[in-house]
Each structure stands twice: as structure tokens, then as C-alpha cells.
Amino acid sequence: MSTLTRHLNGSRETVRMYSKRVEVPMLGEVAVPPPDKLVYYAGIGVLAALQVIEWPMALVIAAGHVLADQHLSGLVRGFGDALQSA
């Protein structure tokens, strides 16, 4: 199996993780993250609710992780790694 094929297969797994979607009023269809990511976001919310961290900081942390975990970023990263190793 070539490096490109291996990376693209891993990217398919990333896309499959985000294949669950929920219809949210006024927002439309939203992809639901895997359970481990939901627990992470809930933990950030609990820390903010207990005032361990401030709400703006919790939002910045959560937004950073959402952007980093976008389901297409795995595909782009895998393709870039495959091209680099070729």
C-alpha cells in the first residue's frame, strides 16, 4: 500500500467520525463531533461554569479545537504528508 493510499484511508476515518449530523433550528444541519471531543468540550464548559477559567478563554480554547479538528483538515494533512514523502 502506498503512502498516499495509507494517508487517504486515515482521512476517510476522520470524515467518518464526523458523519453524524443533527438538524438545529436556525442553524441547519450540524456535524456532531465524536464522543471523546464532546467530553472535552463539556470539560471546558464545566471549568468555565466553576469559574476556574473565564468564559472568553473557554470560548477561545473551544474555537481553537474546533478549527483544528475540522473534518477536512485530516484529508488535507494526509495529502500534504503523502506529497512530502513522495
C-alpha atoms as a PDB file:
ATOM      1  CA  MET A   1       0.000   0.000   0.000  1.00  0.00           C
ATOM      2  CA  SER A   2       1.437   3.354  -0.996  1.00  0.00           C
ATOM      3  CA  THR A   3       1.949   6.222   1.405  1.00  0.00           C
ATOM      4  CA  LEU A   4      -0.735   8.270  -0.342  1.00  0.00           C
ATOM      5  CA  THR A   5      -3.263   5.433  -0.004  1.00  0.00           C
ATOM      6  CA  ARG A   6      -2.459   4.987   3.690  1.00  0.00           C
ATOM      7  CA  HIS A   7      -2.914   8.705   4.403  1.00  0.00           C
ATOM      8  CA  LEU A   8      -6.141   8.927   2.421  1.00  0.00           C
ATOM      9  CA  ASN A   9      -7.542   5.900   4.265  1.00  0.00           C
ATOM     10  CA  GLY A  10      -6.799   7.634   7.564  1.00  0.00           C
ATOM     11  CA  SER A  11      -8.550  10.722   6.269  1.00  0.00           C
ATOM     12  CA  ARG A  12     -11.638   8.663   5.425  1.00  0.00           C
ATOM     13  CA  GLU A  13     -11.730   7.558   9.062  1.00  0.00           C
ATOM     14  CA  THR A  14     -11.641  11.213  10.135  1.00  0.00           C
ATOM     15  CA  VAL A  15     -14.522  12.063   7.812  1.00  0.00           C
ATOM     16  CA  ARG A  16     -16.455   9.008   9.039  1.00  0.00           C
ATOM     17  CA  MET A  17     -16.071  10.217  12.660  1.00  0.00           C
ATOM     18  CA  TYR A  18     -17.915  13.410  11.734  1.00  0.00           C
ATOM     19  CA  SER A  19     -20.616  11.724   9.643  1.00  0.00           C
ATOM     20  CA  LYS A  20     -23.298  12.084  12.329  1.00  0.00           C
ATOM     21  CA  ARG A  21     -25.393  15.182  11.739  1.00  0.00           C
ATOM     22  CA  VAL A  22     -28.146  16.877  13.722  1.00  0.00           C
ATOM     23  CA  GLU A  23     -30.724  19.368  12.493  1.00  0.00           C
ATOM     24  CA  VAL A  24     -30.512  22.500  14.695  1.00  0.00           C
ATOM     25  CA  PRO A  25     -33.234  25.150  14.380  1.00  0.00           C
ATOM     26  CA  MET A  26     -31.965  28.394  12.819  1.00  0.00           C
ATOM     27  CA  LEU A  27     -28.525  26.823  12.176  1.00  0.00           C
ATOM     28  CA  GLY A  28     -29.434  23.999   9.844  1.00  0.00           C
ATOM     29  CA  GLU A  29     -27.602  20.693   9.721  1.00  0.00           C
ATOM     30  CA  VAL A  30     -24.614  20.488  12.078  1.00  0.00           C
ATOM     31  CA  ALA A  31     -21.947  17.761  12.268  1.00  0.00           C
ATOM     32  CA  VAL A  32     -21.701  16.181  15.708  1.00  0.00           C
ATOM     33  CA  PRO A  33     -18.159  15.517  16.938  1.00  0.00           C
ATOM     34  CA  PRO A  34     -17.184  12.089  18.276  1.00  0.00           C
ATOM     35  CA  PRO A  35     -17.932  11.361  21.971  1.00  0.00           C
ATOM     36  CA  ASP A  36     -14.355  11.999  23.148  1.00  0.00           C
ATOM     37  CA  LYS A  37     -14.457  15.508  21.649  1.00  0.00           C
ATOM     38  CA  LEU A  38     -17.862  16.173  23.239  1.00  0.00           C
ATOM     39  CA  VAL A  39     -16.437  15.220  26.633  1.00  0.00           C
ATOM     40  CA  TYR A  40     -13.539  17.627  26.076  1.00  0.00           C
ATOM     41  CA  TYR A  41     -15.905  20.493  25.229  1.00  0.00           C
ATOM     42  CA  ALA A  42     -18.086  19.627  28.231  1.00  0.00           C
ATOM     43  CA  GLY A  43     -14.995  19.731  30.446  1.00  0.00           C
ATOM     44  CA  ILE A  44     -14.120  23.194  29.157  1.00  0.00           C
ATOM     45  CA  GLY A  45     -17.717  24.250  29.864  1.00  0.00           C
ATOM     46  CA  VAL A  46     -17.564  22.867  33.415  1.00  0.00           C
ATOM     47  CA  LEU A  47     -14.293  24.701  34.099  1.00  0.00           C
ATOM     48  CA  ALA A  48     -15.877  27.924  32.871  1.00  0.00           C
ATOM     49  CA  ALA A  49     -19.055  27.336  34.909  1.00  0.00           C
ATOM     50  CA  LEU A  50     -16.973  26.769  38.039  1.00  0.00           C
ATOM     51  CA  GLN A  51     -15.024  29.931  37.196  1.00  0.00           C
ATOM     52  CA  VAL A  52     -11.726  28.077  37.062  1.00  0.00           C
ATOM     53  CA  ILE A  53     -11.236  29.749  33.692  1.00  0.00           C
ATOM     54  CA  GLU A  54     -13.055  32.776  32.295  1.00  0.00           C
ATOM     55  CA  TRP A  55     -15.781  32.381  29.648  1.00  0.00           C
ATOM     56  CA  PRO A  56     -13.843  34.236  26.942  1.00  0.00           C
ATOM     57  CA  MET A  57     -10.862  31.926  27.470  1.00  0.00           C
ATOM     58  CA  ALA A  58     -13.127  28.854  27.324  1.00  0.00           C
ATOM     59  CA  LEU A  59     -14.591  30.089  24.042  1.00  0.00           C
ATOM     60  CA  VAL A  60     -11.147  30.710  22.566  1.00  0.00           C
ATOM     61  CA  ILE A  61      -9.939  27.248  23.603  1.00  0.00           C
ATOM     62  CA  ALA A  62     -13.050  25.531  22.234  1.00  0.00           C
ATOM     63  CA  ALA A  63     -12.968  27.529  18.992  1.00  0.00           C
ATOM     64  CA  GLY A  64      -9.290  26.662  18.507  1.00  0.00           C
ATOM     65  CA  HIS A  65     -10.010  22.967  18.892  1.00  0.00           C
ATOM     66  CA  VAL A  66     -12.988  23.123  16.553  1.00  0.00           C
ATOM     67  CA  LEU A  67     -10.853  24.780  13.894  1.00  0.00           C
ATOM     68  CA  ALA A  68      -8.011  22.307  14.424  1.00  0.00           C
ATOM     69  CA  ASP A  69     -10.340  19.306  14.241  1.00  0.00           C
ATOM     70  CA  GLN A  70     -12.292  20.225  11.144  1.00  0.00           C
ATOM     71  CA  HIS A  71     -13.084  17.036   9.323  1.00  0.00           C
ATOM     72  CA  LEU A  72     -11.422  18.123   6.094  1.00  0.00           C
ATOM     73  CA  SER A  73      -8.168  19.116   7.784  1.00  0.00           C
ATOM     74  CA  GLY A  74      -7.285  15.415   8.082  1.00  0.00           C
ATOM     75  CA  LEU A  75      -7.666  14.955   4.363  1.00  0.00           C
ATOM     76  CA  VAL A  76      -5.515  17.974   3.569  1.00  0.00           C
ATOM     77  CA  ARG A  77      -2.902  16.979   6.172  1.00  0.00           C
ATOM     78  CA  GLY A  78      -2.770  13.381   4.865  1.00  0.00           C
ATOM     79  CA  PHE A  79      -2.445  14.528   1.277  1.00  0.00           C
ATOM     80  CA  GLY A  80       0.302  17.000   2.215  1.00  0.00           C
ATOM     81  CA  ASP A  81       2.229  14.349   4.151  1.00  0.00           C
ATOM     82  CA  ALA A  82       1.932  11.931   1.251  1.00  0.00           C
ATOM     83  CA  LEU A  83       3.221  14.526  -1.219  1.00  0.00           C
ATOM     84  CA  GLN A  84       6.070  15.434   1.092  1.00  0.00           C
ATOM     85  CA  SER A  85       7.188  11.817   1.444  1.00  0.00           C
ATOM     86  CA  ALA A  86       6.899  11.129  -2.304  1.00  0.00           C
END
